[in-house]
């Protein structure tokens, strides 16, 4: 089993699909998914209802299709009853299985978690990126700082500098105006 530090959550499953062992996956970012036929995934129980062991189980995707729903068939799972016993579960992949980045200015958002966050004006470290989520329009980073937390959309006007190799990002801290 992979080192849990390198596992990235891609989504979850709470529903079967059809009668022949299909799953309906809910991916956090299905528009740019890393999953394809023959991808290796790790499944972890989302609740006590799942028959999966707490340490997770590895599977290989036999077939995946993207449309209104993401429908997945796993190798060696061919029965709806088995699917129903496995759900609900969380889908993870090993970060080492991600495809290589092609451009110098490209990176995976998951690689930004743990980076120091510096104030763009003075270079002072004000926190770290602890997590991220998507709000439908863009990625939003959760920044844990000294005494405060900040959720900030990942746009150039807030993040002028991203230095993955250097281990930091610089942000322009938004000004909050209170008109009251």
N, C-alpha and C. Protein backbone atom coordinates (compact mmCIF):
# COMPACT_ATOMS: atom_id res chain seq x y z
N UNK A 1 0.84 -1.18 0.00
CA UNK A 1 0.00 0.00 0.00
C UNK A 1 0.88 1.24 0.00
N UNK A 2 0.43 2.29 -0.64
CA UNK A 2 1.20 3.52 -0.77
C UNK A 2 1.29 4.26 0.55
N UNK A 3 2.32 5.07 0.68
CA UNK A 3 2.48 5.95 1.82
C UNK A 3 1.33 6.97 1.79
N UNK A 4 0.57 7.08 2.89
CA UNK A 4 -0.61 7.94 2.89
C UNK A 4 -0.28 9.40 2.67
N UNK A 5 0.96 9.81 2.89
CA UNK A 5 1.35 11.19 2.66
C UNK A 5 1.23 11.53 1.17
N UNK A 6 1.42 10.57 0.29
CA UNK A 6 1.40 10.81 -1.14
C UNK A 6 0.04 10.57 -1.80
N UNK A 7 -0.99 10.30 -1.01
CA UNK A 7 -2.30 10.01 -1.59
C UNK A 7 -3.11 11.29 -1.76
N UNK A 8 -3.74 11.40 -2.93
CA UNK A 8 -4.56 12.56 -3.26
C UNK A 8 -5.99 12.09 -3.47
N UNK A 9 -6.92 12.72 -2.77
CA UNK A 9 -8.33 12.37 -2.94
C UNK A 9 -8.86 12.99 -4.22
N UNK A 10 -9.48 12.12 -5.07
CA UNK A 10 -10.06 12.59 -6.32
C UNK A 10 -11.57 12.70 -6.27
N UNK A 11 -12.21 11.99 -5.33
CA UNK A 11 -13.66 12.02 -5.29
C UNK A 11 -14.20 10.93 -4.38
N UNK A 12 -15.45 10.53 -4.65
CA UNK A 12 -16.12 9.53 -3.82
C UNK A 12 -17.17 8.81 -4.65
N UNK A 13 -17.74 7.77 -4.06
CA UNK A 13 -18.81 7.01 -4.69
C UNK A 13 -19.84 6.65 -3.63
N UNK A 14 -21.10 6.91 -3.94
CA UNK A 14 -22.18 6.55 -3.03
C UNK A 14 -23.30 5.77 -3.74
N UNK A 15 -23.16 5.60 -5.08
CA UNK A 15 -24.21 4.92 -5.83
C UNK A 15 -23.64 3.93 -6.84
N UNK A 16 -24.31 2.79 -6.96
CA UNK A 16 -23.94 1.87 -8.04
C UNK A 16 -24.51 2.37 -9.37
N UNK A 17 -24.09 1.73 -10.46
CA UNK A 17 -24.66 2.02 -11.77
C UNK A 17 -25.00 0.71 -12.44
N UNK A 18 -26.25 0.52 -12.78
CA UNK A 18 -26.67 -0.66 -13.51
C UNK A 18 -26.58 -1.94 -12.66
N UNK A 19 -26.61 -3.07 -13.35
CA UNK A 19 -26.62 -4.37 -12.67
C UNK A 19 -25.35 -5.18 -12.87
N UNK A 20 -24.42 -4.68 -13.65
CA UNK A 20 -23.23 -5.47 -14.01
C UNK A 20 -21.95 -4.98 -13.35
N UNK A 21 -22.07 -4.38 -12.17
CA UNK A 21 -20.87 -4.01 -11.43
C UNK A 21 -20.35 -2.62 -11.69
N UNK A 22 -21.21 -1.71 -12.13
CA UNK A 22 -20.78 -0.33 -12.38
C UNK A 22 -20.92 0.56 -11.16
N UNK A 23 -20.09 1.60 -11.13
CA UNK A 23 -20.10 2.59 -10.06
C UNK A 23 -20.38 3.95 -10.66
N UNK A 24 -21.04 4.82 -9.90
CA UNK A 24 -21.19 6.22 -10.28
C UNK A 24 -20.22 7.02 -9.42
N UNK A 25 -19.15 7.49 -10.03
CA UNK A 25 -18.14 8.26 -9.31
C UNK A 25 -18.52 9.74 -9.32
N UNK A 26 -18.27 10.41 -8.21
CA UNK A 26 -18.38 11.86 -8.11
C UNK A 26 -16.96 12.37 -7.92
N UNK A 27 -16.40 12.94 -8.98
CA UNK A 27 -15.02 13.41 -8.93
C UNK A 27 -14.99 14.89 -8.61
N UNK A 28 -14.04 15.30 -7.79
CA UNK A 28 -13.92 16.70 -7.42
C UNK A 28 -13.62 17.56 -8.64
N UNK A 29 -12.97 16.99 -9.64
CA UNK A 29 -12.59 17.75 -10.83
C UNK A 29 -12.72 16.85 -12.05
N UNK A 30 -13.95 16.47 -12.40
CA UNK A 30 -14.14 15.52 -13.48
C UNK A 30 -13.83 16.09 -14.86
N UNK A 31 -13.78 17.41 -15.00
CA UNK A 31 -13.46 18.01 -16.29
C UNK A 31 -12.01 17.80 -16.71
N UNK A 32 -11.12 17.59 -15.72
CA UNK A 32 -9.70 17.40 -16.01
C UNK A 32 -9.19 16.20 -15.23
N UNK A 33 -9.94 15.12 -15.29
CA UNK A 33 -9.60 13.96 -14.48
C UNK A 33 -8.34 13.26 -14.96
N UNK A 34 -7.61 12.71 -14.00
CA UNK A 34 -6.44 11.90 -14.29
C UNK A 34 -6.82 10.45 -14.57
N UNK A 35 -8.07 10.11 -14.27
CA UNK A 35 -8.49 8.72 -14.39
C UNK A 35 -8.79 8.36 -15.84
N UNK A 36 -8.39 7.15 -16.19
CA UNK A 36 -8.65 6.60 -17.52
C UNK A 36 -8.62 5.08 -17.39
N UNK A 37 -8.92 4.38 -18.47
CA UNK A 37 -8.86 2.92 -18.45
C UNK A 37 -7.47 2.48 -18.00
N UNK A 38 -7.41 1.49 -17.16
CA UNK A 38 -6.19 0.90 -16.58
C UNK A 38 -5.54 1.75 -15.50
N UNK A 39 -6.15 2.87 -15.10
CA UNK A 39 -5.62 3.65 -13.97
C UNK A 39 -5.75 2.85 -12.69
N UNK A 40 -4.76 3.01 -11.82
CA UNK A 40 -4.80 2.38 -10.51
C UNK A 40 -5.36 3.38 -9.51
N UNK A 41 -6.33 2.91 -8.71
CA UNK A 41 -6.95 3.77 -7.70
C UNK A 41 -6.97 3.03 -6.37
N UNK A 42 -7.11 3.79 -5.31
CA UNK A 42 -7.22 3.23 -3.97
C UNK A 42 -8.57 3.66 -3.40
N UNK A 43 -9.30 2.71 -2.85
CA UNK A 43 -10.62 2.99 -2.30
C UNK A 43 -10.58 2.82 -0.78
N UNK A 44 -11.15 3.81 -0.09
CA UNK A 44 -11.20 3.83 1.37
C UNK A 44 -12.65 4.00 1.80
N UNK A 45 -13.08 3.28 2.83
CA UNK A 45 -14.48 3.40 3.25
C UNK A 45 -14.80 4.82 3.70
N UNK A 46 -15.98 5.27 3.31
CA UNK A 46 -16.43 6.61 3.71
C UNK A 46 -17.25 6.53 4.99
N UNK A 47 -17.75 5.33 5.30
CA UNK A 47 -18.52 5.12 6.53
C UNK A 47 -18.44 3.64 6.90
N UNK A 48 -19.03 3.32 8.02
CA UNK A 48 -19.06 1.92 8.47
C UNK A 48 -19.92 1.02 7.61
N UNK A 49 -20.70 1.59 6.71
CA UNK A 49 -21.54 0.79 5.82
C UNK A 49 -20.72 0.08 4.74
N UNK A 50 -19.54 0.59 4.45
CA UNK A 50 -18.71 0.02 3.39
C UNK A 50 -18.00 -1.24 3.90
N UNK A 51 -17.90 -2.23 3.02
CA UNK A 51 -17.18 -3.46 3.37
C UNK A 51 -15.67 -3.33 3.16
N UNK A 52 -15.22 -2.18 2.65
CA UNK A 52 -13.79 -1.99 2.41
C UNK A 52 -13.04 -1.86 3.73
N UNK A 53 -11.83 -2.42 3.81
CA UNK A 53 -11.05 -2.27 5.04
C UNK A 53 -10.57 -0.83 5.21
N UNK A 54 -10.38 -0.41 6.45
CA UNK A 54 -10.00 0.98 6.74
C UNK A 54 -8.66 1.36 6.11
N UNK A 55 -7.76 0.39 5.90
CA UNK A 55 -6.47 0.70 5.29
C UNK A 55 -6.55 0.84 3.77
N UNK A 56 -7.73 0.63 3.19
CA UNK A 56 -7.94 0.82 1.76
C UNK A 56 -7.58 -0.39 0.93
N UNK A 57 -8.08 -0.40 -0.30
CA UNK A 57 -7.84 -1.49 -1.25
C UNK A 57 -7.56 -0.88 -2.61
N UNK A 58 -6.57 -1.44 -3.30
CA UNK A 58 -6.24 -0.98 -4.64
C UNK A 58 -7.05 -1.71 -5.71
N UNK A 59 -7.46 -0.97 -6.74
CA UNK A 59 -8.17 -1.53 -7.88
C UNK A 59 -7.63 -0.91 -9.16
N UNK A 60 -7.97 -1.53 -10.27
CA UNK A 60 -7.63 -0.99 -11.58
C UNK A 60 -8.92 -0.74 -12.34
N UNK A 61 -9.00 0.41 -13.00
CA UNK A 61 -10.19 0.75 -13.77
C UNK A 61 -10.20 -0.05 -15.06
N UNK A 62 -11.28 -0.81 -15.27
CA UNK A 62 -11.46 -1.57 -16.51
C UNK A 62 -12.03 -0.66 -17.59
N UNK A 63 -13.01 0.18 -17.21
CA UNK A 63 -13.63 1.08 -18.18
C UNK A 63 -14.18 2.30 -17.45
N UNK A 64 -13.99 3.47 -18.03
CA UNK A 64 -14.51 4.71 -17.46
C UNK A 64 -15.11 5.54 -18.58
N UNK A 65 -16.26 6.16 -18.32
CA UNK A 65 -16.87 7.05 -19.30
C UNK A 65 -17.35 8.31 -18.60
N UNK A 66 -17.10 9.43 -19.27
CA UNK A 66 -17.47 10.75 -18.74
C UNK A 66 -18.65 11.27 -19.53
N UNK A 67 -19.63 11.78 -18.85
CA UNK A 67 -20.82 12.37 -19.46
C UNK A 67 -21.57 13.09 -18.37
N UNK A 68 -22.90 12.95 -18.36
CA UNK A 68 -23.68 13.53 -17.26
C UNK A 68 -23.23 12.94 -15.92
N UNK A 69 -22.79 11.69 -15.97
CA UNK A 69 -22.25 11.00 -14.79
C UNK A 69 -20.92 10.38 -15.19
N UNK A 70 -20.09 10.12 -14.20
CA UNK A 70 -18.85 9.39 -14.45
C UNK A 70 -19.13 7.94 -14.06
N UNK A 71 -19.18 7.07 -15.07
CA UNK A 71 -19.49 5.66 -14.85
C UNK A 71 -18.18 4.87 -14.94
N UNK A 72 -17.94 4.03 -13.92
CA UNK A 72 -16.68 3.30 -13.82
C UNK A 72 -16.95 1.82 -13.58
N UNK A 73 -16.19 0.98 -14.26
CA UNK A 73 -16.17 -0.45 -14.02
C UNK A 73 -14.76 -0.82 -13.60
N UNK A 74 -14.65 -1.55 -12.50
CA UNK A 74 -13.35 -1.96 -11.98
C UNK A 74 -13.08 -3.41 -12.37
N UNK A 75 -11.81 -3.73 -12.59
CA UNK A 75 -11.44 -5.11 -12.89
C UNK A 75 -11.84 -6.00 -11.73
N UNK A 76 -12.37 -7.16 -12.04
CA UNK A 76 -12.78 -8.20 -11.09
C UNK A 76 -14.02 -7.86 -10.28
N UNK A 77 -14.72 -6.77 -10.60
CA UNK A 77 -16.00 -6.46 -9.95
C UNK A 77 -17.07 -6.51 -11.04
N UNK A 78 -17.95 -7.51 -10.96
CA UNK A 78 -18.93 -7.71 -12.02
C UNK A 78 -20.35 -7.87 -11.50
N UNK A 79 -20.59 -7.55 -10.25
CA UNK A 79 -21.87 -7.83 -9.63
C UNK A 79 -22.36 -6.62 -8.82
N UNK A 80 -23.61 -6.25 -9.03
CA UNK A 80 -24.18 -5.09 -8.32
C UNK A 80 -24.16 -5.30 -6.81
N UNK A 81 -24.37 -6.51 -6.34
CA UNK A 81 -24.35 -6.77 -4.90
C UNK A 81 -22.98 -6.45 -4.30
N UNK A 82 -21.92 -6.81 -5.01
CA UNK A 82 -20.57 -6.49 -4.54
C UNK A 82 -20.34 -4.98 -4.52
N UNK A 83 -20.83 -4.30 -5.56
CA UNK A 83 -20.72 -2.84 -5.63
C UNK A 83 -21.43 -2.22 -4.43
N UNK A 84 -22.66 -2.65 -4.17
CA UNK A 84 -23.45 -2.08 -3.08
C UNK A 84 -22.78 -2.31 -1.72
N UNK A 85 -22.09 -3.45 -1.57
CA UNK A 85 -21.41 -3.70 -0.29
C UNK A 85 -20.19 -2.80 -0.11
N UNK A 86 -19.58 -2.38 -1.21
CA UNK A 86 -18.37 -1.56 -1.13
C UNK A 86 -18.66 -0.08 -0.84
N UNK A 87 -19.79 0.42 -1.30
CA UNK A 87 -20.09 1.84 -1.16
C UNK A 87 -20.65 2.13 0.23
N UNK A 88 -20.47 3.32 0.75
CA UNK A 88 -19.81 4.49 0.17
C UNK A 88 -18.30 4.44 0.39
N UNK A 89 -17.55 5.01 -0.55
CA UNK A 89 -16.09 5.04 -0.40
C UNK A 89 -15.50 6.30 -1.00
N UNK A 90 -14.25 6.56 -0.61
CA UNK A 90 -13.48 7.69 -1.10
C UNK A 90 -12.46 7.15 -2.10
N UNK A 91 -12.24 7.90 -3.17
CA UNK A 91 -11.32 7.50 -4.25
C UNK A 91 -10.03 8.32 -4.12
N UNK A 92 -8.91 7.61 -4.03
CA UNK A 92 -7.61 8.29 -3.95
C UNK A 92 -6.66 7.68 -4.97
N UNK A 93 -5.66 8.47 -5.33
CA UNK A 93 -4.58 7.97 -6.18
C UNK A 93 -3.25 8.39 -5.57
N UNK A 94 -2.23 7.65 -5.89
CA UNK A 94 -0.89 7.98 -5.43
C UNK A 94 -0.37 9.15 -6.26
N UNK A 95 0.12 10.18 -5.61
CA UNK A 95 0.65 11.35 -6.31
C UNK A 95 1.74 10.96 -7.29
N UNK A 96 2.50 9.91 -6.99
CA UNK A 96 3.57 9.46 -7.88
C UNK A 96 3.04 8.91 -9.21
N UNK A 97 1.73 8.60 -9.26
CA UNK A 97 1.14 8.09 -10.50
C UNK A 97 0.60 9.19 -11.40
N UNK A 98 0.70 10.45 -10.98
CA UNK A 98 0.24 11.56 -11.82
C UNK A 98 1.15 11.66 -13.04
N UNK A 99 0.61 12.03 -14.19
CA UNK A 99 1.46 12.26 -15.37
C UNK A 99 2.43 13.41 -15.12
N UNK A 100 3.58 13.36 -15.79
CA UNK A 100 4.57 14.44 -15.65
C UNK A 100 4.00 15.73 -16.22
N UNK A 101 4.38 16.85 -15.60
CA UNK A 101 3.99 18.17 -16.07
C UNK A 101 4.84 18.53 -17.28
N UNK A 102 4.22 19.12 -18.28
CA UNK A 102 4.96 19.43 -19.51
C UNK A 102 5.56 20.82 -19.52
N UNK A 103 4.86 21.82 -19.00
CA UNK A 103 5.36 23.19 -19.07
C UNK A 103 6.05 23.61 -17.78
N UNK A 104 6.98 24.56 -17.90
CA UNK A 104 7.70 25.07 -16.73
C UNK A 104 6.79 25.82 -15.78
N UNK A 105 5.75 26.46 -16.31
CA UNK A 105 4.86 27.26 -15.46
C UNK A 105 3.59 26.49 -15.09
N UNK A 106 3.60 25.17 -15.25
CA UNK A 106 2.45 24.35 -14.89
C UNK A 106 2.78 23.52 -13.66
N UNK A 107 1.74 23.19 -12.89
CA UNK A 107 1.91 22.40 -11.68
C UNK A 107 0.55 21.85 -11.29
N UNK A 108 0.55 20.88 -10.42
CA UNK A 108 -0.69 20.35 -9.87
C UNK A 108 -1.07 21.16 -8.64
N UNK A 109 -2.34 21.50 -8.55
CA UNK A 109 -2.83 22.27 -7.41
C UNK A 109 -2.52 21.55 -6.11
N UNK A 110 -2.61 20.24 -6.09
CA UNK A 110 -2.35 19.48 -4.86
C UNK A 110 -0.91 19.67 -4.38
N UNK A 111 0.01 20.02 -5.29
CA UNK A 111 1.40 20.25 -4.89
C UNK A 111 1.57 21.56 -4.12
N UNK A 112 0.56 22.40 -4.13
CA UNK A 112 0.66 23.68 -3.41
C UNK A 112 0.32 23.54 -1.93
N UNK A 113 -0.37 22.46 -1.57
CA UNK A 113 -0.69 22.25 -0.15
C UNK A 113 0.61 22.07 0.62
N UNK A 114 0.75 22.85 1.69
CA UNK A 114 1.95 22.80 2.52
C UNK A 114 2.96 23.91 2.21
N UNK A 115 2.74 24.64 1.10
CA UNK A 115 3.67 25.72 0.77
C UNK A 115 3.50 26.89 1.74
N UNK A 116 4.61 27.58 2.00
CA UNK A 116 4.55 28.81 2.78
C UNK A 116 3.83 29.88 1.97
N UNK A 117 3.13 30.75 2.68
CA UNK A 117 2.44 31.87 2.05
C UNK A 117 3.12 33.14 2.54
N UNK A 118 3.62 33.93 1.57
CA UNK A 118 4.31 35.18 1.91
C UNK A 118 3.47 36.37 1.46
N UNK A 119 3.57 37.45 2.22
CA UNK A 119 2.97 38.71 1.84
C UNK A 119 3.77 39.26 0.65
N UNK A 120 3.10 39.54 -0.44
CA UNK A 120 3.76 40.01 -1.66
C UNK A 120 4.46 41.37 -1.45
N UNK A 121 3.93 42.18 -0.54
CA UNK A 121 4.50 43.51 -0.32
C UNK A 121 5.83 43.49 0.42
N UNK A 122 5.96 42.58 1.42
CA UNK A 122 7.17 42.63 2.25
C UNK A 122 7.89 41.29 2.39
N UNK A 123 7.37 40.22 1.79
CA UNK A 123 8.03 38.92 1.84
C UNK A 123 7.88 38.17 3.15
N UNK A 124 7.13 38.73 4.12
CA UNK A 124 6.93 38.08 5.41
C UNK A 124 6.05 36.83 5.25
N UNK A 125 6.48 35.73 5.87
CA UNK A 125 5.67 34.50 5.86
C UNK A 125 4.47 34.73 6.78
N UNK A 126 3.27 34.57 6.23
CA UNK A 126 2.05 34.82 7.00
C UNK A 126 1.24 33.56 7.25
N UNK A 127 1.66 32.42 6.71
CA UNK A 127 0.94 31.18 6.93
C UNK A 127 1.36 30.11 5.94
N UNK A 128 0.51 29.08 5.83
CA UNK A 128 0.73 27.99 4.88
C UNK A 128 -0.59 27.63 4.21
N UNK A 129 -0.48 27.07 3.02
CA UNK A 129 -1.67 26.55 2.34
C UNK A 129 -1.98 25.20 2.98
N UNK A 130 -3.15 25.09 3.59
CA UNK A 130 -3.50 23.85 4.29
C UNK A 130 -4.43 22.96 3.49
N UNK A 131 -5.16 23.53 2.53
CA UNK A 131 -6.14 22.74 1.78
C UNK A 131 -6.61 23.57 0.59
N UNK A 132 -7.46 22.97 -0.23
CA UNK A 132 -8.08 23.70 -1.33
C UNK A 132 -9.42 23.05 -1.65
N UNK A 133 -10.26 23.79 -2.34
CA UNK A 133 -11.53 23.27 -2.83
C UNK A 133 -11.91 24.07 -4.07
N UNK A 134 -12.90 23.58 -4.79
CA UNK A 134 -13.38 24.31 -5.96
C UNK A 134 -14.75 24.88 -5.65
N UNK A 135 -14.99 26.13 -6.03
CA UNK A 135 -16.28 26.76 -5.77
C UNK A 135 -17.16 26.82 -7.01
N UNK A 136 -16.76 26.16 -8.07
CA UNK A 136 -17.52 26.17 -9.31
C UNK A 136 -16.92 27.10 -10.34
N UNK A 137 -16.22 28.14 -9.88
CA UNK A 137 -15.60 29.08 -10.80
C UNK A 137 -14.08 28.95 -10.83
N UNK A 138 -13.49 28.65 -9.67
CA UNK A 138 -12.04 28.51 -9.58
C UNK A 138 -11.66 27.72 -8.34
N UNK A 139 -10.39 27.41 -8.25
CA UNK A 139 -9.84 26.77 -7.06
C UNK A 139 -9.72 27.83 -5.97
N UNK A 140 -10.05 27.44 -4.75
CA UNK A 140 -9.92 28.33 -3.60
C UNK A 140 -8.95 27.66 -2.63
N UNK A 141 -7.90 28.39 -2.22
CA UNK A 141 -6.94 27.85 -1.26
C UNK A 141 -7.32 28.27 0.15
N UNK A 142 -7.15 27.34 1.08
CA UNK A 142 -7.36 27.61 2.49
C UNK A 142 -5.98 27.89 3.08
N UNK A 143 -5.80 29.10 3.58
CA UNK A 143 -4.52 29.53 4.13
C UNK A 143 -4.66 29.63 5.64
N UNK A 144 -3.86 28.84 6.34
CA UNK A 144 -3.83 28.91 7.81
C UNK A 144 -2.70 29.84 8.20
N UNK A 145 -3.07 30.90 8.91
CA UNK A 145 -2.09 31.90 9.28
C UNK A 145 -1.96 32.04 10.78
N UNK A 146 -1.19 33.00 11.15
CA UNK A 146 -0.96 33.29 12.56
C UNK A 146 -2.20 33.97 13.12
N UNK A 147 -3.05 33.19 13.79
CA UNK A 147 -4.24 33.74 14.41
C UNK A 147 -5.43 33.91 13.49
N UNK A 148 -5.28 33.67 12.21
CA UNK A 148 -6.42 33.80 11.31
C UNK A 148 -6.28 32.86 10.13
N UNK A 149 -7.42 32.53 9.55
CA UNK A 149 -7.45 31.70 8.36
C UNK A 149 -8.08 32.52 7.23
N UNK A 150 -7.70 32.19 6.01
CA UNK A 150 -8.16 32.94 4.86
C UNK A 150 -8.42 31.97 3.72
N UNK A 151 -9.61 32.07 3.12
CA UNK A 151 -9.93 31.33 1.90
C UNK A 151 -9.79 32.31 0.76
N UNK A 152 -8.90 31.99 -0.19
CA UNK A 152 -8.58 32.95 -1.25
C UNK A 152 -8.64 32.27 -2.62
N UNK A 153 -9.42 32.83 -3.56
CA UNK A 153 -9.48 32.23 -4.89
C UNK A 153 -8.12 32.30 -5.59
N UNK A 154 -7.79 31.23 -6.29
CA UNK A 154 -6.51 31.14 -6.98
C UNK A 154 -6.60 31.86 -8.31
N UNK A 155 -6.40 33.18 -8.24
CA UNK A 155 -6.39 34.03 -9.43
C UNK A 155 -5.14 34.91 -9.37
N UNK A 156 -4.67 35.35 -10.53
CA UNK A 156 -3.43 36.13 -10.60
C UNK A 156 -3.45 37.38 -9.73
N UNK A 157 -4.62 38.00 -9.58
CA UNK A 157 -4.67 39.23 -8.80
C UNK A 157 -4.42 39.00 -7.31
N UNK A 158 -4.57 37.76 -6.83
CA UNK A 158 -4.24 37.43 -5.44
C UNK A 158 -2.94 36.64 -5.32
N UNK A 159 -2.57 35.88 -6.34
CA UNK A 159 -1.39 35.01 -6.32
C UNK A 159 -0.43 35.39 -7.45
N UNK A 160 0.33 36.48 -7.30
CA UNK A 160 1.22 36.89 -8.39
C UNK A 160 2.46 36.01 -8.52
N UNK A 161 2.85 35.29 -7.45
CA UNK A 161 4.05 34.47 -7.50
C UNK A 161 3.74 33.09 -6.93
N UNK A 162 4.05 32.06 -7.73
CA UNK A 162 3.97 30.66 -7.28
C UNK A 162 5.33 30.05 -7.57
N UNK A 163 6.01 29.60 -6.52
CA UNK A 163 7.33 28.99 -6.66
C UNK A 163 7.31 27.62 -5.96
N UNK A 164 6.87 26.61 -6.71
CA UNK A 164 6.75 25.26 -6.15
C UNK A 164 8.10 24.77 -5.66
N UNK A 165 9.13 24.90 -6.49
CA UNK A 165 10.47 24.43 -6.11
C UNK A 165 11.01 25.19 -4.91
N UNK A 166 10.71 26.47 -4.81
CA UNK A 166 11.16 27.28 -3.68
C UNK A 166 10.33 27.06 -2.42
N UNK A 167 9.17 26.42 -2.58
CA UNK A 167 8.35 26.09 -1.43
C UNK A 167 7.48 27.22 -0.92
N UNK A 168 7.11 28.18 -1.80
CA UNK A 168 6.27 29.27 -1.32
C UNK A 168 5.42 29.87 -2.44
N UNK A 169 4.40 30.58 -2.02
CA UNK A 169 3.62 31.44 -2.90
C UNK A 169 3.62 32.82 -2.26
N UNK A 170 3.41 33.84 -3.09
CA UNK A 170 3.21 35.18 -2.57
C UNK A 170 1.78 35.57 -2.86
N UNK A 171 1.14 36.21 -1.88
CA UNK A 171 -0.23 36.66 -2.10
C UNK A 171 -0.34 38.16 -1.86
N UNK A 172 -1.30 38.73 -2.55
CA UNK A 172 -1.70 40.11 -2.29
C UNK A 172 -2.90 39.99 -1.36
N UNK A 173 -2.74 40.47 -0.16
CA UNK A 173 -3.79 40.32 0.86
C UNK A 173 -4.94 41.26 0.49
N UNK A 174 -6.16 40.70 0.40
CA UNK A 174 -7.28 41.55 0.03
C UNK A 174 -7.59 42.57 1.12
N UNK A 175 -8.01 43.74 0.67
CA UNK A 175 -8.40 44.80 1.60
C UNK A 175 -9.91 44.68 1.81
N UNK A 176 -10.31 44.60 3.06
CA UNK A 176 -11.72 44.50 3.39
C UNK A 176 -12.22 45.88 3.77
N UNK A 177 -13.23 46.34 3.06
CA UNK A 177 -13.79 47.67 3.33
C UNK A 177 -15.12 47.48 4.03
N UNK A 178 -15.27 48.14 5.16
CA UNK A 178 -16.51 48.07 5.91
C UNK A 178 -17.21 49.41 5.77
N UNK A 179 -18.30 49.45 5.00
CA UNK A 179 -19.02 50.70 4.72
C UNK A 179 -20.01 51.08 5.82
N UNK A 180 -20.06 50.39 6.87
CA UNK A 180 -21.08 50.66 7.90
C UNK A 180 -20.67 51.75 8.81
